[in-house]
């Protein structure tokens, strides 16, 4: 029989019945402490189970051979739950959270991997088109820096630049992006690490169990969804997202939505 104990929302165990009775005799546990074991539908106070005595003998229980000396009653930081949850909590406690600088560095590395897509779009330009594109790009930058400029002009210049990209350039760029997404998805599914996270020796895990999480949560929700969100709402979305990462658990907004954490490898 494996018995779990809890006090002040902190759980310990499992213990054998013999260990529990020894701790009761040594006053290492109290009759007001909660207890649970297989066959019970809910947690109950020890005093209710022992009927106020300092020994617990469940009806129909057959004691095994003499057990080793009892262990001290120690609290863990989990809430009352099954043995599976206790193991999951223990695993989570072993994981050390990744530092903010290492996460930022990993993000920078991953973002740099998308830069070739920009060069691919302009790789099909003729010399004349390169000159025209450079001129339009400089005008666009000047408009963006001018607080009194007409927003419609910036939109017009951006449209003109996009129209200069050939269909062939778009196809090759899309092909490159799909390959990069596939590589990142494969790596994250295998080890919870993108290329940037591999280089910085950090990884994505389930926030509750500390174990590897599903591709849907680790990649689709954390990365793909936020790529489109950042495209639409940059830089506000990025600022809000990373502001969450300054909390105690260092979970960014996309971590919270995906129920993940980033820890050291």
C-alpha atoms as a PDB file:
ATOM      1  CA  UNK A   1       0.000   0.000   0.000  1.00  0.00           C
ATOM      2  CA  UNK A   2       1.334   3.424  -0.982  1.00  0.00           C
ATOM      3  CA  UNK A   3       0.086   6.336   1.081  1.00  0.00           C
ATOM      4  CA  UNK A   4       0.451  10.012   0.185  1.00  0.00           C
ATOM      5  CA  UNK A   5       0.370  12.819   2.738  1.00  0.00           C
ATOM      6  CA  UNK A   6      -0.376  16.512   2.369  1.00  0.00           C
ATOM      7  CA  UNK A   7      -0.127  19.568   4.581  1.00  0.00           C
ATOM      8  CA  UNK A   8      -0.735  23.204   3.585  1.00  0.00           C
ATOM      9  CA  UNK A   9      -1.192  22.178  -0.072  1.00  0.00           C
ATOM     10  CA  UNK A  10       2.207  20.447  -0.040  1.00  0.00           C
ATOM     11  CA  UNK A  11       2.382  16.750  -0.812  1.00  0.00           C
ATOM     12  CA  UNK A  12       4.817  14.026   0.266  1.00  0.00           C
ATOM     13  CA  UNK A  13       5.150  10.314  -0.341  1.00  0.00           C
ATOM     14  CA  UNK A  14       4.477   7.635  -1.162  1.00  0.00           C
ATOM     15  CA  UNK A  15       4.956   5.870   2.181  1.00  0.00           C
ATOM     16  CA  UNK A  16       4.160   2.352   3.292  1.00  0.00           C
ATOM     17  CA  UNK A  17       1.628   1.841   6.052  1.00  0.00           C
ATOM     18  CA  UNK A  18       4.433   0.834   8.390  1.00  0.00           C
ATOM     19  CA  UNK A  19       6.345   4.043   7.645  1.00  0.00           C
ATOM     20  CA  UNK A  20       3.194   6.106   8.209  1.00  0.00           C
ATOM     21  CA  UNK A  21       2.507   4.505  11.591  1.00  0.00           C
ATOM     22  CA  UNK A  22       6.131   5.010  12.623  1.00  0.00           C
ATOM     23  CA  UNK A  23       5.933   8.699  11.694  1.00  0.00           C
ATOM     24  CA  UNK A  24       2.663   8.986  13.611  1.00  0.00           C
ATOM     25  CA  UNK A  25       4.360   7.462  16.654  1.00  0.00           C
ATOM     26  CA  UNK A  26       7.304   9.859  16.274  1.00  0.00           C
ATOM     27  CA  UNK A  27       4.896  12.797  15.729  1.00  0.00           C
ATOM     28  CA  UNK A  28       6.517  13.549  12.389  1.00  0.00           C
ATOM     29  CA  UNK A  29       2.991  13.705  10.955  1.00  0.00           C
ATOM     30  CA  UNK A  30      -0.168  15.057  12.548  1.00  0.00           C
ATOM     31  CA  UNK A  31      -3.702  13.746  12.736  1.00  0.00           C
ATOM     32  CA  UNK A  32      -4.761  16.922  10.937  1.00  0.00           C
ATOM     33  CA  UNK A  33      -2.578  16.073   7.925  1.00  0.00           C
ATOM     34  CA  UNK A  34      -4.416  14.808   4.861  1.00  0.00           C
ATOM     35  CA  UNK A  35      -3.866  11.301   3.502  1.00  0.00           C
ATOM     36  CA  UNK A  36      -4.799   9.373   0.381  1.00  0.00           C
ATOM     37  CA  UNK A  37      -4.174   5.859  -0.939  1.00  0.00           C
ATOM     38  CA  UNK A  38      -5.634   3.602  -3.573  1.00  0.00           C
ATOM     39  CA  UNK A  39      -9.270   2.777  -2.896  1.00  0.00           C
ATOM     40  CA  UNK A  40     -10.082   6.212  -1.456  1.00  0.00           C
ATOM     41  CA  UNK A  41     -12.257   8.607  -3.438  1.00  0.00           C
ATOM     42  CA  UNK A  42     -10.892  11.740  -1.786  1.00  0.00           C
ATOM     43  CA  UNK A  43      -8.261  13.046   0.620  1.00  0.00           C
ATOM     44  CA  UNK A  44      -9.147  12.736   4.307  1.00  0.00           C
ATOM     45  CA  UNK A  45      -7.584  13.851   7.584  1.00  0.00           C
ATOM     46  CA  UNK A  46      -5.454  11.161   9.217  1.00  0.00           C
ATOM     47  CA  UNK A  47      -7.444  11.545  12.412  1.00  0.00           C
ATOM     48  CA  UNK A  48     -10.597  10.602  10.527  1.00  0.00           C
ATOM     49  CA  UNK A  49      -8.922   7.473   9.138  1.00  0.00           C
ATOM     50  CA  UNK A  50      -7.403   6.425  12.479  1.00  0.00           C
ATOM     51  CA  UNK A  51     -10.466   7.467  14.501  1.00  0.00           C
ATOM     52  CA  UNK A  52      -8.288   9.712  16.622  1.00  0.00           C
ATOM     53  CA  UNK A  53      -5.605   7.104  17.325  1.00  0.00           C
ATOM     54  CA  UNK A  54      -1.911   7.326  16.488  1.00  0.00           C
ATOM     55  CA  UNK A  55      -2.003   4.206  14.353  1.00  0.00           C
ATOM     56  CA  UNK A  56      -3.743   3.476  11.080  1.00  0.00           C
ATOM     57  CA  UNK A  57      -4.933  -0.061  10.284  1.00  0.00           C
ATOM     58  CA  UNK A  58      -7.169  -0.164   7.188  1.00  0.00           C
ATOM     59  CA  UNK A  59      -9.814  -2.859   7.264  1.00  0.00           C
ATOM     60  CA  UNK A  60      -8.693  -6.016   5.509  1.00  0.00           C
ATOM     61  CA  UNK A  61      -5.047  -4.932   5.236  1.00  0.00           C
ATOM     62  CA  UNK A  62      -2.442  -7.706   5.538  1.00  0.00           C
ATOM     63  CA  UNK A  63       0.971  -6.387   6.674  1.00  0.00           C
ATOM     64  CA  UNK A  64       3.956  -7.393   4.482  1.00  0.00           C
ATOM     65  CA  UNK A  65       7.358  -8.555   5.670  1.00  0.00           C
ATOM     66  CA  UNK A  66       9.261  -6.095   7.926  1.00  0.00           C
ATOM     67  CA  UNK A  67       9.950  -2.880   6.051  1.00  0.00           C
ATOM     68  CA  UNK A  68      13.083  -0.688   6.180  1.00  0.00           C
ATOM     69  CA  UNK A  69      13.339   2.085   8.757  1.00  0.00           C
ATOM     70  CA  UNK A  70      10.992   4.988   8.125  1.00  0.00           C
ATOM     71  CA  UNK A  71      12.083   8.064   6.238  1.00  0.00           C
ATOM     72  CA  UNK A  72      11.610  11.569   7.546  1.00  0.00           C
ATOM     73  CA  UNK A  73       8.433  13.315   6.525  1.00  0.00           C
ATOM     74  CA  UNK A  74       9.484  15.767   3.844  1.00  0.00           C
ATOM     75  CA  UNK A  75       7.285  18.127   1.882  1.00  0.00           C
ATOM     76  CA  UNK A  76       7.400  18.612  -1.849  1.00  0.00           C
ATOM     77  CA  UNK A  77       5.932  21.492  -3.781  1.00  0.00           C
ATOM     78  CA  UNK A  78       3.056  19.678  -5.481  1.00  0.00           C
ATOM     79  CA  UNK A  79      -0.640  19.692  -4.746  1.00  0.00           C
ATOM     80  CA  UNK A  80      -2.582  16.532  -3.790  1.00  0.00           C
ATOM     81  CA  UNK A  81      -2.497  14.273  -6.828  1.00  0.00           C
ATOM     82  CA  UNK A  82      -1.708  10.795  -8.094  1.00  0.00           C
ATOM     83  CA  UNK A  83       1.735   9.200  -8.104  1.00  0.00           C
ATOM     84  CA  UNK A  84       2.074  10.094 -11.791  1.00  0.00           C
ATOM     85  CA  UNK A  85       1.659  13.774 -10.980  1.00  0.00           C
ATOM     86  CA  UNK A  86       4.175  13.448  -8.134  1.00  0.00           C
ATOM     87  CA  UNK A  87       6.749  12.073 -10.565  1.00  0.00           C
ATOM     88  CA  UNK A  88       5.925  14.836 -13.045  1.00  0.00           C
ATOM     89  CA  UNK A  89       6.446  17.488 -10.376  1.00  0.00           C
ATOM     90  CA  UNK A  90       9.770  15.946  -9.402  1.00  0.00           C
ATOM     91  CA  UNK A  91      10.861  16.052 -13.051  1.00  0.00           C
ATOM     92  CA  UNK A  92       9.832  19.693 -13.360  1.00  0.00           C
ATOM     93  CA  UNK A  93      11.812  20.638 -10.258  1.00  0.00           C
ATOM     94  CA  UNK A  94      14.966  19.188 -11.820  1.00  0.00           C
ATOM     95  CA  UNK A  95      14.720  21.476 -14.842  1.00  0.00           C
ATOM     96  CA  UNK A  96      16.524  24.788 -14.537  1.00  0.00           C
ATOM     97  CA  UNK A  97      14.820  27.661 -16.341  1.00  0.00           C
ATOM     98  CA  UNK A  98      16.678  29.087 -19.321  1.00  0.00           C
ATOM     99  CA  UNK A  99      18.058  32.575 -18.787  1.00  0.00           C
ATOM    100  CA  UNK A 100      16.568  35.552 -20.601  1.00  0.00           C
ATOM    101  CA  UNK A 101      19.852  36.306 -22.492  1.00  0.00           C
ATOM    102  CA  UNK A 102      20.083  32.713 -23.768  1.00  0.00           C
ATOM    103  CA  UNK A 103      16.483  32.846 -24.983  1.00  0.00           C
ATOM    104  CA  UNK A 104      17.054  36.173 -26.735  1.00  0.00           C
ATOM    105  CA  UNK A 105      20.206  34.832 -28.391  1.00  0.00           C
ATOM    106  CA  UNK A 106      18.354  31.718 -29.558  1.00  0.00           C
ATOM    107  CA  UNK A 107      15.585  33.904 -31.003  1.00  0.00           C
ATOM    108  CA  UNK A 108      18.110  36.091 -32.832  1.00  0.00           C
ATOM    109  CA  UNK A 109      19.765  33.020 -34.367  1.00  0.00           C
ATOM    110  CA  UNK A 110      16.403  31.652 -35.512  1.00  0.00           C
ATOM    111  CA  UNK A 111      15.430  35.030 -36.998  1.00  0.00           C
ATOM    112  CA  UNK A 112      18.726  35.266 -38.893  1.00  0.00           C
ATOM    113  CA  UNK A 113      17.822  32.022 -40.634  1.00  0.00           C
ATOM    114  CA  UNK A 114      14.946  33.832 -42.348  1.00  0.00           C
ATOM    115  CA  UNK A 115      17.132  36.618 -43.779  1.00  0.00           C
ATOM    116  CA  UNK A 116      18.136  34.639 -46.902  1.00  0.00           C
ATOM    117  CA  UNK A 117      14.494  34.827 -47.966  1.00  0.00           C
ATOM    118  CA  UNK A 118      14.900  38.595 -48.372  1.00  0.00           C
ATOM    119  CA  UNK A 119      17.987  38.194 -50.522  1.00  0.00           C
ATOM    120  CA  UNK A 120      16.261  35.561 -52.649  1.00  0.00           C
ATOM    121  CA  UNK A 121      13.534  38.049 -53.565  1.00  0.00           C
ATOM    122  CA  UNK A 122      16.079  40.534 -54.905  1.00  0.00           C
ATOM    123  CA  UNK A 123      18.414  37.938 -56.426  1.00  0.00           C
ATOM    124  CA  UNK A 124      16.448  37.924 -59.687  1.00  0.00           C
ATOM    125  CA  UNK A 125      16.770  41.690 -60.256  1.00  0.00           C
ATOM    126  CA  UNK A 126      18.585  43.136 -63.227  1.00  0.00           C
ATOM    127  CA  UNK A 127      21.133  45.916 -62.470  1.00  0.00           C
ATOM    128  CA  UNK A 128      18.509  48.506 -63.410  1.00  0.00           C
ATOM    129  CA  UNK A 129      15.935  46.946 -61.116  1.00  0.00           C
ATOM    130  CA  UNK A 130      18.457  46.858 -58.263  1.00  0.00           C
ATOM    131  CA  UNK A 131      19.006  50.595 -58.636  1.00  0.00           C
ATOM    132  CA  UNK A 132      15.264  51.285 -58.792  1.00  0.00           C
ATOM    133  CA  UNK A 133      14.570  49.092 -55.760  1.00  0.00           C
ATOM    134  CA  UNK A 134      17.339  50.780 -53.731  1.00  0.00           C
ATOM    135  CA  UNK A 135      15.840  54.183 -54.555  1.00  0.00           C
ATOM    136  CA  UNK A 136      12.328  53.104 -53.546  1.00  0.00           C
ATOM    137  CA  UNK A 137      13.658  51.523 -50.346  1.00  0.00           C
ATOM    138  CA  UNK A 138      15.498  54.724 -49.365  1.00  0.00           C
ATOM    139  CA  UNK A 139      12.372  56.801 -50.009  1.00  0.00           C
ATOM    140  CA  UNK A 140      10.344  54.366 -47.915  1.00  0.00           C
ATOM    141  CA  UNK A 141      12.820  54.656 -45.013  1.00  0.00           C
ATOM    142  CA  UNK A 142      12.750  58.465 -45.220  1.00  0.00           C
ATOM    143  CA  UNK A 143       8.956  58.481 -45.124  1.00  0.00           C
ATOM    144  CA  UNK A 144       8.872  56.155 -42.121  1.00  0.00           C
ATOM    145  CA  UNK A 145      11.323  58.385 -40.254  1.00  0.00           C
ATOM    146  CA  UNK A 146       9.356  61.530 -41.052  1.00  0.00           C
ATOM    147  CA  UNK A 147       6.622  61.981 -38.452  1.00  0.00           C
ATOM    148  CA  UNK A 148       4.779  64.452 -40.730  1.00  0.00           C
ATOM    149  CA  UNK A 149       4.781  62.163 -43.769  1.00  0.00           C
ATOM    150  CA  UNK A 150       1.576  60.851 -45.293  1.00  0.00           C
ATOM    151  CA  UNK A 151       1.049  57.167 -44.294  1.00  0.00           C
ATOM    152  CA  UNK A 152      -0.524  56.565 -47.697  1.00  0.00           C
ATOM    153  CA  UNK A 153       2.807  57.434 -49.358  1.00  0.00           C
ATOM    154  CA  UNK A 154       4.608  54.765 -47.333  1.00  0.00           C
ATOM    155  CA  UNK A 155       1.977  52.233 -48.344  1.00  0.00           C
ATOM    156  CA  UNK A 156       2.351  53.238 -51.992  1.00  0.00           C
ATOM    157  CA  UNK A 157       6.144  52.874 -51.930  1.00  0.00           C
ATOM    158  CA  UNK A 158       5.871  49.491 -50.229  1.00  0.00           C
ATOM    159  CA  UNK A 159       3.414  48.293 -52.868  1.00  0.00           C
ATOM    160  CA  UNK A 160       5.741  49.399 -55.656  1.00  0.00           C
ATOM    161  CA  UNK A 161       8.625  47.438 -54.105  1.00  0.00           C
ATOM    162  CA  UNK A 162       6.547  44.301 -53.750  1.00  0.00           C
ATOM    163  CA  UNK A 163       5.402  44.545 -57.357  1.00  0.00           C
ATOM    164  CA  UNK A 164       9.022  44.445 -58.481  1.00  0.00           C
ATOM    165  CA  UNK A 165       9.510  40.896 -57.188  1.00  0.00           C
ATOM    166  CA  UNK A 166       9.024  38.345 -59.943  1.00  0.00           C
ATOM    167  CA  UNK A 167       6.813  35.292 -59.656  1.00  0.00           C
ATOM    168  CA  UNK A 168       9.908  33.097 -59.871  1.00  0.00           C
ATOM    169  CA  UNK A 169      11.438  34.935 -56.897  1.00  0.00           C
ATOM    170  CA  UNK A 170       8.275  34.420 -54.844  1.00  0.00           C
ATOM    171  CA  UNK A 171       8.233  30.686 -55.644  1.00  0.00           C
ATOM    172  CA  UNK A 172      11.884  30.161 -54.673  1.00  0.00           C
ATOM    173  CA  UNK A 173      11.402  32.209 -51.496  1.00  0.00           C
ATOM    174  CA  UNK A 174       8.309  30.211 -50.532  1.00  0.00           C
ATOM    175  CA  UNK A 175      10.236  26.987 -51.172  1.00  0.00           C
ATOM    176  CA  UNK A 176      13.051  28.152 -48.882  1.00  0.00           C
ATOM    177  CA  UNK A 177      10.615  29.150 -46.123  1.00  0.00           C
ATOM    178  CA  UNK A 178       8.812  25.790 -46.302  1.00  0.00           C
ATOM    179  CA  UNK A 179      12.122  23.924 -46.025  1.00  0.00           C
ATOM    180  CA  UNK A 180      13.197  26.009 -43.037  1.00  0.00           C
ATOM    181  CA  UNK A 181       9.843  25.476 -41.300  1.00  0.00           C
ATOM    182  CA  UNK A 182      10.091  21.724 -41.907  1.00  0.00           C
ATOM    183  CA  UNK A 183      13.620  21.580 -40.476  1.00  0.00           C
ATOM    184  CA  UNK A 184      12.657  23.579 -37.400  1.00  0.00           C
ATOM    185  CA  UNK A 185       9.519  21.464 -36.888  1.00  0.00           C
ATOM    186  CA  UNK A 186      11.534  18.248 -37.153  1.00  0.00           C
ATOM    187  CA  UNK A 187      14.130  19.424 -34.622  1.00  0.00           C
ATOM    188  CA  UNK A 188      11.513  20.669 -32.162  1.00  0.00           C
ATOM    189  CA  UNK A 189       9.521  17.428 -32.460  1.00  0.00           C
ATOM    190  CA  UNK A 190      12.670  15.399 -31.830  1.00  0.00           C
ATOM    191  CA  UNK A 191      14.283  17.300 -28.965  1.00  0.00           C
ATOM    192  CA  UNK A 192      12.206  20.415 -28.220  1.00  0.00           C
ATOM    193  CA  UNK A 193      14.961  22.550 -29.745  1.00  0.00           C
ATOM    194  CA  UNK A 194      15.047  24.845 -32.754  1.00  0.00           C
ATOM    195  CA  UNK A 195      18.416  25.527 -34.381  1.00  0.00           C
ATOM    196  CA  UNK A 196      18.886  28.589 -32.176  1.00  0.00           C
ATOM    197  CA  UNK A 197      17.964  26.656 -29.027  1.00  0.00           C
ATOM    198  CA  UNK A 198      20.380  23.861 -29.933  1.00  0.00           C
ATOM    199  CA  UNK A 199      23.218  26.362 -30.195  1.00  0.00           C
ATOM    200  CA  UNK A 200      22.327  27.971 -26.864  1.00  0.00           C
ATOM    201  CA  UNK A 201      21.634  24.592 -25.192  1.00  0.00           C
ATOM    202  CA  UNK A 202      18.073  25.260 -24.102  1.00  0.00           C
ATOM    203  CA  UNK A 203      14.855  23.414 -24.930  1.00  0.00           C
ATOM    204  CA  UNK A 204      11.050  23.587 -24.829  1.00  0.00           C
ATOM    205  CA  UNK A 205       9.223  21.396 -22.282  1.00  0.00           C
ATOM    206  CA  UNK A 206       5.729  20.981 -20.899  1.00  0.00           C
ATOM    207  CA  UNK A 207       5.223  23.594 -18.172  1.00  0.00           C
ATOM    208  CA  UNK A 208       3.523  21.121 -15.814  1.00  0.00           C
ATOM    209  CA  UNK A 209       5.459  17.878 -16.305  1.00  0.00           C
ATOM    210  CA  UNK A 210       8.852  19.154 -17.460  1.00  0.00           C
ATOM    211  CA  UNK A 211       8.779  16.535 -20.230  1.00  0.00           C
ATOM    212  CA  UNK A 212       8.915  16.946 -24.013  1.00  0.00           C
ATOM    213  CA  UNK A 213       5.657  18.360 -25.332  1.00  0.00           C
ATOM    214  CA  UNK A 214       3.709  17.823 -28.547  1.00  0.00           C
ATOM    215  CA  UNK A 215       4.657  19.400 -31.885  1.00  0.00           C
ATOM    216  CA  UNK A 216       1.297  21.195 -31.960  1.00  0.00           C
ATOM    217  CA  UNK A 217       2.086  23.083 -28.768  1.00  0.00           C
ATOM    218  CA  UNK A 218       5.866  23.408 -29.092  1.00  0.00           C
ATOM    219  CA  UNK A 219       5.907  24.532 -32.719  1.00  0.00           C
ATOM    220  CA  UNK A 220       2.506  25.346 -34.196  1.00  0.00           C
ATOM    221  CA  UNK A 221       1.175  27.438 -31.299  1.00  0.00           C
ATOM    222  CA  UNK A 222       4.490  28.824 -30.038  1.00  0.00           C
ATOM    223  CA  UNK A 223       6.077  29.628 -33.393  1.00  0.00           C
ATOM    224  CA  UNK A 224       3.834  29.505 -36.461  1.00  0.00           C
ATOM    225  CA  UNK A 225       0.871  31.317 -34.899  1.00  0.00           C
ATOM    226  CA  UNK A 226       3.110  34.018 -33.455  1.00  0.00           C
ATOM    227  CA  UNK A 227       4.963  34.498 -36.744  1.00  0.00           C
ATOM    228  CA  UNK A 228       1.723  35.644 -38.359  1.00  0.00           C
ATOM    229  CA  UNK A 229       0.735  37.620 -35.254  1.00  0.00           C
ATOM    230  CA  UNK A 230       4.068  39.463 -35.248  1.00  0.00           C
ATOM    231  CA  UNK A 231       3.786  40.202 -38.961  1.00  0.00           C
ATOM    232  CA  UNK A 232       0.439  41.891 -38.371  1.00  0.00           C
ATOM    233  CA  UNK A 233       1.120  43.628 -35.050  1.00  0.00           C
ATOM    234  CA  UNK A 234       4.899  44.146 -34.908  1.00  0.00           C
ATOM    235  CA  UNK A 235       6.397  45.559 -32.703  1.00  0.00           C
ATOM    236  CA  UNK A 236       3.571  45.770 -30.150  1.00  0.00           C
ATOM    237  CA  UNK A 237       2.970  42.011 -30.163  1.00  0.00           C
ATOM    238  CA  UNK A 238       6.673  41.300 -29.619  1.00  0.00           C
ATOM    239  CA  UNK A 239       6.919  43.725 -26.694  1.00  0.00           C
ATOM    240  CA  UNK A 240       3.838  42.287 -24.974  1.00  0.00           C
ATOM    241  CA  UNK A 241       4.948  38.727 -25.674  1.00  0.00           C
ATOM    242  CA  UNK A 242       8.382  39.128 -24.105  1.00  0.00           C
ATOM    243  CA  UNK A 243       7.103  41.238 -21.223  1.00  0.00           C
ATOM    244  CA  UNK A 244       5.460  38.074 -19.927  1.00  0.00           C
ATOM    245  CA  UNK A 245       8.889  36.408 -19.987  1.00  0.00           C
ATOM    246  CA  UNK A 246      10.078  38.624 -17.138  1.00  0.00           C
ATOM    247  CA  UNK A 247       7.831  36.754 -14.692  1.00  0.00           C
ATOM    248  CA  UNK A 248       8.972  34.193 -12.141  1.00  0.00           C
ATOM    249  CA  UNK A 249       8.442  31.241 -14.499  1.00  0.00           C
ATOM    250  CA  UNK A 250       9.889  33.165 -17.480  1.00  0.00           C
ATOM    251  CA  UNK A 251       6.944  32.180 -19.665  1.00  0.00           C
ATOM    252  CA  UNK A 252       6.406  34.492 -22.600  1.00  0.00           C
ATOM    253  CA  UNK A 253       2.851  34.965 -23.851  1.00  0.00           C
ATOM    254  CA  UNK A 254       3.283  32.243 -26.479  1.00  0.00           C
ATOM    255  CA  UNK A 255       4.634  29.942 -23.735  1.00  0.00           C
ATOM    256  CA  UNK A 256       1.557  30.545 -21.618  1.00  0.00           C
ATOM    257  CA  UNK A 257      -0.810  29.856 -24.512  1.00  0.00           C
ATOM    258  CA  UNK A 258       1.053  26.671 -25.412  1.00  0.00           C
ATOM    259  CA  UNK A 259       1.546  25.729 -21.717  1.00  0.00           C
ATOM    260  CA  UNK A 260       5.292  25.341 -22.204  1.00  0.00           C
ATOM    261  CA  UNK A 261       8.519  26.499 -20.568  1.00  0.00           C
ATOM    262  CA  UNK A 262      12.040  26.906 -21.870  1.00  0.00           C
ATOM    263  CA  UNK A 263      14.690  25.257 -19.698  1.00  0.00           C
ATOM    264  CA  UNK A 264      18.380  24.504 -19.840  1.00  0.00           C
ATOM    265  CA  UNK A 265      19.344  21.338 -21.685  1.00  0.00           C
END
